[in-house]
Amino acid sequence: MRSFDNHGRATLFGVYSECQSEMQEAYEKIPNKQNNMKAISYRLFSQVVRMYFTIAFKILITGVPFPLLNKFGILNVVKAKCIRYNPFRISFYTDESGNRIREKVKIKLKNGYWYFVFWDAPKRFRQYRFNIDRKYKRAYMKLVEDGYDYLDYSLDKYGRNASTEYIQHIK
């Protein structure tokens, strides 16, 4: 397994190999171990990490902010009004002659809002991005389709009683 993927991002195996010695030292300090394990395997490590984030996303989807451990910040599903640009995605297709065509397709927003997971990170982590899996995006957008509403990021950022003119002026 590789420590980094094709885009230079750390993989779960890379994180495991990086902290394997520290985990082993912490494991040996545990008194009265109830099992016969000699070390924490990658399989156990990956199950724990995946279960942690599964629980985190289930809590996030309900609209509750989720604080990450060790002062890594807070995750929250928020919405923001798109007023500066119209978001689009680029799609590629080939026509009958075999030429590859690039086309911009406008994204239809629900009531003009863009929904996303916001990571309120400390300054030292702001260079990193937090991407979630497609199945969790679908889960919170399914709630939006059913009428559930998330926190408005612009009101959270500029104050709960901010008027729309103030938000328009700031953005």
C-alpha atoms as a PDB file:
ATOM      1  CA  MET A   1       0.000   0.000   0.000  1.00  0.00           C
ATOM      2  CA  ARG A   2       1.068   3.553  -0.612  1.00  0.00           C
ATOM      3  CA  SER A   3       1.411   6.420   1.841  1.00  0.00           C
ATOM      4  CA  PHE A   4       0.175   8.986  -0.701  1.00  0.00           C
ATOM      5  CA  ASP A   5      -2.374   8.782  -3.496  1.00  0.00           C
ATOM      6  CA  ASN A   6      -1.939  10.115  -7.054  1.00  0.00           C
ATOM      7  CA  HIS A   7      -2.747  13.677  -5.962  1.00  0.00           C
ATOM      8  CA  GLY A   8      -0.195  13.786  -3.117  1.00  0.00           C
ATOM      9  CA  ARG A   9      -2.804  13.386  -0.366  1.00  0.00           C
ATOM     10  CA  ALA A  10      -2.066  11.184   2.644  1.00  0.00           C
ATOM     11  CA  THR A  11      -3.827   7.824   2.657  1.00  0.00           C
ATOM     12  CA  LEU A  12      -5.084   5.984   5.703  1.00  0.00           C
ATOM     13  CA  PHE A  13      -2.187   3.545   5.400  1.00  0.00           C
ATOM     14  CA  GLY A  14       0.219   6.506   5.352  1.00  0.00           C
ATOM     15  CA  VAL A  15      -1.260   7.820   8.584  1.00  0.00           C
ATOM     16  CA  TYR A  16      -1.032   4.342  10.113  1.00  0.00           C
ATOM     17  CA  SER A  17       2.614   3.874   9.155  1.00  0.00           C
ATOM     18  CA  GLU A  18       3.450   7.370  10.417  1.00  0.00           C
ATOM     19  CA  CYS A  19       2.024   6.808  13.898  1.00  0.00           C
ATOM     20  CA  GLN A  20       2.604   3.078  14.274  1.00  0.00           C
ATOM     21  CA  SER A  21       5.531   3.419  16.688  1.00  0.00           C
ATOM     22  CA  GLU A  22       3.662   5.909  18.902  1.00  0.00           C
ATOM     23  CA  MET A  23       0.620   3.630  19.011  1.00  0.00           C
ATOM     24  CA  GLN A  24       2.815   0.687  19.969  1.00  0.00           C
ATOM     25  CA  GLU A  25       4.397   2.653  22.844  1.00  0.00           C
ATOM     26  CA  ALA A  26       0.976   3.750  24.104  1.00  0.00           C
ATOM     27  CA  TYR A  27      -0.374   0.201  23.784  1.00  0.00           C
ATOM     28  CA  GLU A  28       2.475  -1.256  25.839  1.00  0.00           C
ATOM     29  CA  LYS A  29       1.756   1.208  28.666  1.00  0.00           C
ATOM     30  CA  ILE A  30      -1.812  -0.068  29.087  1.00  0.00           C
ATOM     31  CA  PRO A  31      -2.033  -2.086  32.345  1.00  0.00           C
ATOM     32  CA  ASN A  32      -3.984  -5.343  32.572  1.00  0.00           C
ATOM     33  CA  LYS A  33      -4.555  -5.996  28.884  1.00  0.00           C
ATOM     34  CA  GLN A  34      -7.550  -8.273  28.343  1.00  0.00           C
ATOM     35  CA  ASN A  35      -6.395  -9.735  25.018  1.00  0.00           C
ATOM     36  CA  ASN A  36      -3.361 -11.408  23.475  1.00  0.00           C
ATOM     37  CA  MET A  37      -2.624  -8.782  20.808  1.00  0.00           C
ATOM     38  CA  LYS A  38       1.011  -7.805  20.436  1.00  0.00           C
ATOM     39  CA  ALA A  39       0.377  -4.718  18.300  1.00  0.00           C
ATOM     40  CA  ILE A  40      -2.416  -2.737  16.717  1.00  0.00           C
ATOM     41  CA  SER A  41      -2.888  -3.961  13.162  1.00  0.00           C
ATOM     42  CA  TYR A  42      -3.725  -1.803  10.169  1.00  0.00           C
ATOM     43  CA  ARG A  43      -7.075  -3.557   9.855  1.00  0.00           C
ATOM     44  CA  LEU A  44      -8.099  -2.641  13.416  1.00  0.00           C
ATOM     45  CA  PHE A  45      -6.783   0.905  12.971  1.00  0.00           C
ATOM     46  CA  SER A  46      -8.773   1.425   9.763  1.00  0.00           C
ATOM     47  CA  GLN A  47     -11.957   0.045  11.347  1.00  0.00           C
ATOM     48  CA  VAL A  48     -11.664   2.451  14.266  1.00  0.00           C
ATOM     49  CA  VAL A  49     -11.008   5.487  12.047  1.00  0.00           C
ATOM     50  CA  ARG A  50     -13.820   4.619   9.637  1.00  0.00           C
ATOM     51  CA  MET A  51     -16.277   4.053  12.480  1.00  0.00           C
ATOM     52  CA  TYR A  52     -15.282   7.386  14.047  1.00  0.00           C
ATOM     53  CA  PHE A  53     -15.983   9.292  10.844  1.00  0.00           C
ATOM     54  CA  THR A  54     -19.180   7.332  10.168  1.00  0.00           C
ATOM     55  CA  ILE A  55     -20.505   8.401  13.557  1.00  0.00           C
ATOM     56  CA  ALA A  56     -19.297  11.959  12.920  1.00  0.00           C
ATOM     57  CA  PHE A  57     -21.176  12.199   9.613  1.00  0.00           C
ATOM     58  CA  LYS A  58     -24.349  10.733  11.075  1.00  0.00           C
ATOM     59  CA  ILE A  59     -24.232  13.475  13.703  1.00  0.00           C
ATOM     60  CA  LEU A  60     -23.372  16.134  11.097  1.00  0.00           C
ATOM     61  CA  ILE A  61     -26.300  15.240   8.876  1.00  0.00           C
ATOM     62  CA  THR A  62     -28.718  15.909  11.728  1.00  0.00           C
ATOM     63  CA  GLY A  63     -27.494  19.534  11.798  1.00  0.00           C
ATOM     64  CA  VAL A  64     -25.429  19.357  14.985  1.00  0.00           C
ATOM     65  CA  PRO A  65     -21.845  20.722  14.918  1.00  0.00           C
ATOM     66  CA  PHE A  66     -19.259  17.989  15.487  1.00  0.00           C
ATOM     67  CA  PRO A  67     -16.077  18.980  17.381  1.00  0.00           C
ATOM     68  CA  LEU A  68     -13.018  17.028  16.255  1.00  0.00           C
ATOM     69  CA  LEU A  69     -10.597  15.689  18.852  1.00  0.00           C
ATOM     70  CA  ASN A  70      -7.269  17.313  19.781  1.00  0.00           C
ATOM     71  CA  LYS A  71      -8.330  20.864  18.810  1.00  0.00           C
ATOM     72  CA  PHE A  72      -8.708  20.063  15.100  1.00  0.00           C
ATOM     73  CA  GLY A  73     -11.736  22.349  14.828  1.00  0.00           C
ATOM     74  CA  ILE A  74     -15.450  21.868  14.295  1.00  0.00           C
ATOM     75  CA  LEU A  75     -17.342  20.311  11.377  1.00  0.00           C
ATOM     76  CA  ASN A  76     -20.788  21.581  10.442  1.00  0.00           C
ATOM     77  CA  VAL A  77     -23.161  21.311   7.482  1.00  0.00           C
ATOM     78  CA  VAL A  78     -24.045  24.859   6.432  1.00  0.00           C
ATOM     79  CA  LYS A  79     -25.676  26.691   3.578  1.00  0.00           C
ATOM     80  CA  ALA A  80     -24.570  29.888   1.868  1.00  0.00           C
ATOM     81  CA  LYS A  81     -26.353  32.139  -0.578  1.00  0.00           C
ATOM     82  CA  CYS A  82     -24.660  32.244  -3.979  1.00  0.00           C
ATOM     83  CA  ILE A  83     -24.585  35.916  -4.932  1.00  0.00           C
ATOM     84  CA  ARG A  84     -21.131  36.439  -6.427  1.00  0.00           C
ATOM     85  CA  TYR A  85     -21.135  33.754  -9.074  1.00  0.00           C
ATOM     86  CA  ASN A  86     -23.245  31.067 -10.656  1.00  0.00           C
ATOM     87  CA  PRO A  87     -21.652  27.716  -9.873  1.00  0.00           C
ATOM     88  CA  PHE A  88     -21.116  25.334 -12.760  1.00  0.00           C
ATOM     89  CA  ARG A  89     -19.455  22.083 -13.490  1.00  0.00           C
ATOM     90  CA  ILE A  90     -17.546  21.128 -16.595  1.00  0.00           C
ATOM     91  CA  SER A  91     -18.669  18.077 -18.486  1.00  0.00           C
ATOM     92  CA  PHE A  92     -16.895  16.389 -21.368  1.00  0.00           C
ATOM     93  CA  TYR A  93     -18.511  14.385 -24.110  1.00  0.00           C
ATOM     94  CA  THR A  94     -17.734  13.311 -27.657  1.00  0.00           C
ATOM     95  CA  ASP A  95     -19.910  14.131 -30.638  1.00  0.00           C
ATOM     96  CA  GLU A  96     -20.656  11.935 -33.669  1.00  0.00           C
ATOM     97  CA  SER A  97     -17.343  12.746 -35.356  1.00  0.00           C
ATOM     98  CA  GLY A  98     -15.339  11.720 -32.275  1.00  0.00           C
ATOM     99  CA  ASN A  99     -14.285  15.226 -31.213  1.00  0.00           C
ATOM    100  CA  ARG A 100     -14.088  15.812 -27.481  1.00  0.00           C
ATOM    101  CA  ILE A 101     -16.252  18.756 -26.434  1.00  0.00           C
ATOM    102  CA  ARG A 102     -16.013  20.655 -23.152  1.00  0.00           C
ATOM    103  CA  GLU A 103     -19.222  22.197 -21.877  1.00  0.00           C
ATOM    104  CA  LYS A 104     -20.124  24.306 -18.844  1.00  0.00           C
ATOM    105  CA  VAL A 105     -23.323  23.185 -17.169  1.00  0.00           C
ATOM    106  CA  LYS A 106     -24.963  25.450 -14.579  1.00  0.00           C
ATOM    107  CA  ILE A 107     -25.806  23.778 -11.311  1.00  0.00           C
ATOM    108  CA  LYS A 108     -29.376  24.178 -10.120  1.00  0.00           C
ATOM    109  CA  LEU A 109     -29.303  25.274  -6.497  1.00  0.00           C
ATOM    110  CA  LYS A 110     -32.036  24.589  -3.971  1.00  0.00           C
ATOM    111  CA  ASN A 111     -33.591  28.040  -3.279  1.00  0.00           C
ATOM    112  CA  GLY A 112     -30.334  29.692  -4.378  1.00  0.00           C
ATOM    113  CA  TYR A 113     -28.310  28.129  -1.546  1.00  0.00           C
ATOM    114  CA  TRP A 114     -25.140  26.089  -1.754  1.00  0.00           C
ATOM    115  CA  TYR A 115     -24.894  23.332   0.907  1.00  0.00           C
ATOM    116  CA  PHE A 116     -21.524  22.057   2.081  1.00  0.00           C
ATOM    117  CA  VAL A 117     -19.567  20.728   5.060  1.00  0.00           C
ATOM    118  CA  PHE A 118     -17.666  23.584   6.659  1.00  0.00           C
ATOM    119  CA  TRP A 119     -14.534  22.864   8.681  1.00  0.00           C
ATOM    120  CA  ASP A 120     -13.976  25.655  11.179  1.00  0.00           C
ATOM    121  CA  ALA A 121     -10.288  24.896  11.539  1.00  0.00           C
ATOM    122  CA  PRO A 122      -7.542  26.594  13.525  1.00  0.00           C
ATOM    123  CA  LYS A 123      -5.145  28.751  11.508  1.00  0.00           C
ATOM    124  CA  ARG A 124      -2.481  26.063  11.239  1.00  0.00           C
ATOM    125  CA  PHE A 125      -4.909  23.709   9.421  1.00  0.00           C
ATOM    126  CA  ARG A 126      -6.574  26.216   7.066  1.00  0.00           C
ATOM    127  CA  GLN A 127      -4.326  25.194   4.199  1.00  0.00           C
ATOM    128  CA  TYR A 128      -6.041  21.805   4.103  1.00  0.00           C
ATOM    129  CA  ARG A 129      -9.484  20.953   2.732  1.00  0.00           C
ATOM    130  CA  PHE A 130     -12.069  18.598   4.102  1.00  0.00           C
ATOM    131  CA  ASN A 131     -13.821  16.508   1.446  1.00  0.00           C
ATOM    132  CA  ILE A 132     -16.621  14.126   2.299  1.00  0.00           C
ATOM    133  CA  ASP A 133     -17.853  11.062   0.480  1.00  0.00           C
ATOM    134  CA  ARG A 134     -20.611  11.350  -2.104  1.00  0.00           C
ATOM    135  CA  LYS A 135     -23.002   9.169  -0.100  1.00  0.00           C
ATOM    136  CA  TYR A 136     -22.996  11.663   2.800  1.00  0.00           C
ATOM    137  CA  LYS A 137     -23.565  14.581   0.421  1.00  0.00           C
ATOM    138  CA  ARG A 138     -26.560  12.726  -0.944  1.00  0.00           C
ATOM    139  CA  ALA A 139     -27.787  12.033   2.595  1.00  0.00           C
ATOM    140  CA  TYR A 140     -27.899  15.670   3.683  1.00  0.00           C
ATOM    141  CA  MET A 141     -29.250  16.834   0.322  1.00  0.00           C
ATOM    142  CA  LYS A 142     -32.047  14.268   0.661  1.00  0.00           C
ATOM    143  CA  LEU A 143     -32.942  15.934   3.962  1.00  0.00           C
ATOM    144  CA  VAL A 144     -32.903  19.333   2.229  1.00  0.00           C
ATOM    145  CA  GLU A 145     -35.252  18.007  -0.444  1.00  0.00           C
ATOM    146  CA  ASP A 146     -37.602  16.863   2.330  1.00  0.00           C
ATOM    147  CA  GLY A 147     -37.655  20.367   3.837  1.00  0.00           C
ATOM    148  CA  TYR A 148     -34.876  20.218   6.464  1.00  0.00           C
ATOM    149  CA  ASP A 149     -32.944  23.462   6.847  1.00  0.00           C
ATOM    150  CA  TYR A 150     -29.316  23.907   7.913  1.00  0.00           C
ATOM    151  CA  LEU A 151     -27.506  26.840   9.497  1.00  0.00           C
ATOM    152  CA  ASP A 152     -26.982  29.816   7.182  1.00  0.00           C
ATOM    153  CA  TYR A 153     -23.202  30.334   7.049  1.00  0.00           C
ATOM    154  CA  SER A 154     -23.484  34.038   6.203  1.00  0.00           C
ATOM    155  CA  LEU A 155     -25.628  34.680   9.290  1.00  0.00           C
ATOM    156  CA  ASP A 156     -23.349  32.547  11.439  1.00  0.00           C
ATOM    157  CA  LYS A 157     -20.296  34.411  10.166  1.00  0.00           C
ATOM    158  CA  TYR A 158     -21.628  37.969  10.346  1.00  0.00           C
ATOM    159  CA  GLY A 159     -24.028  37.698  13.265  1.00  0.00           C
ATOM    160  CA  ARG A 160     -27.478  36.210  13.689  1.00  0.00           C
ATOM    161  CA  ASN A 161     -29.297  39.539  13.344  1.00  0.00           C
ATOM    162  CA  ALA A 162     -27.487  40.647  10.200  1.00  0.00           C
ATOM    163  CA  SER A 163     -29.761  42.151   7.566  1.00  0.00           C
ATOM    164  CA  THR A 164     -29.686  40.961   3.965  1.00  0.00           C
ATOM    165  CA  GLU A 165     -28.353  44.368   2.837  1.00  0.00           C
ATOM    166  CA  TYR A 166     -25.419  44.009   5.240  1.00  0.00           C
ATOM    167  CA  ILE A 167     -24.644  40.512   3.986  1.00  0.00           C
ATOM    168  CA  GLN A 168     -24.895  41.696   0.359  1.00  0.00           C
ATOM    169  CA  HIS A 169     -22.540  44.578   1.146  1.00  0.00           C
ATOM    170  CA  ILE A 170     -19.973  42.323   2.845  1.00  0.00           C
ATOM    171  CA  LYS A 171     -19.952  39.729   0.077  1.00  0.00           C
END
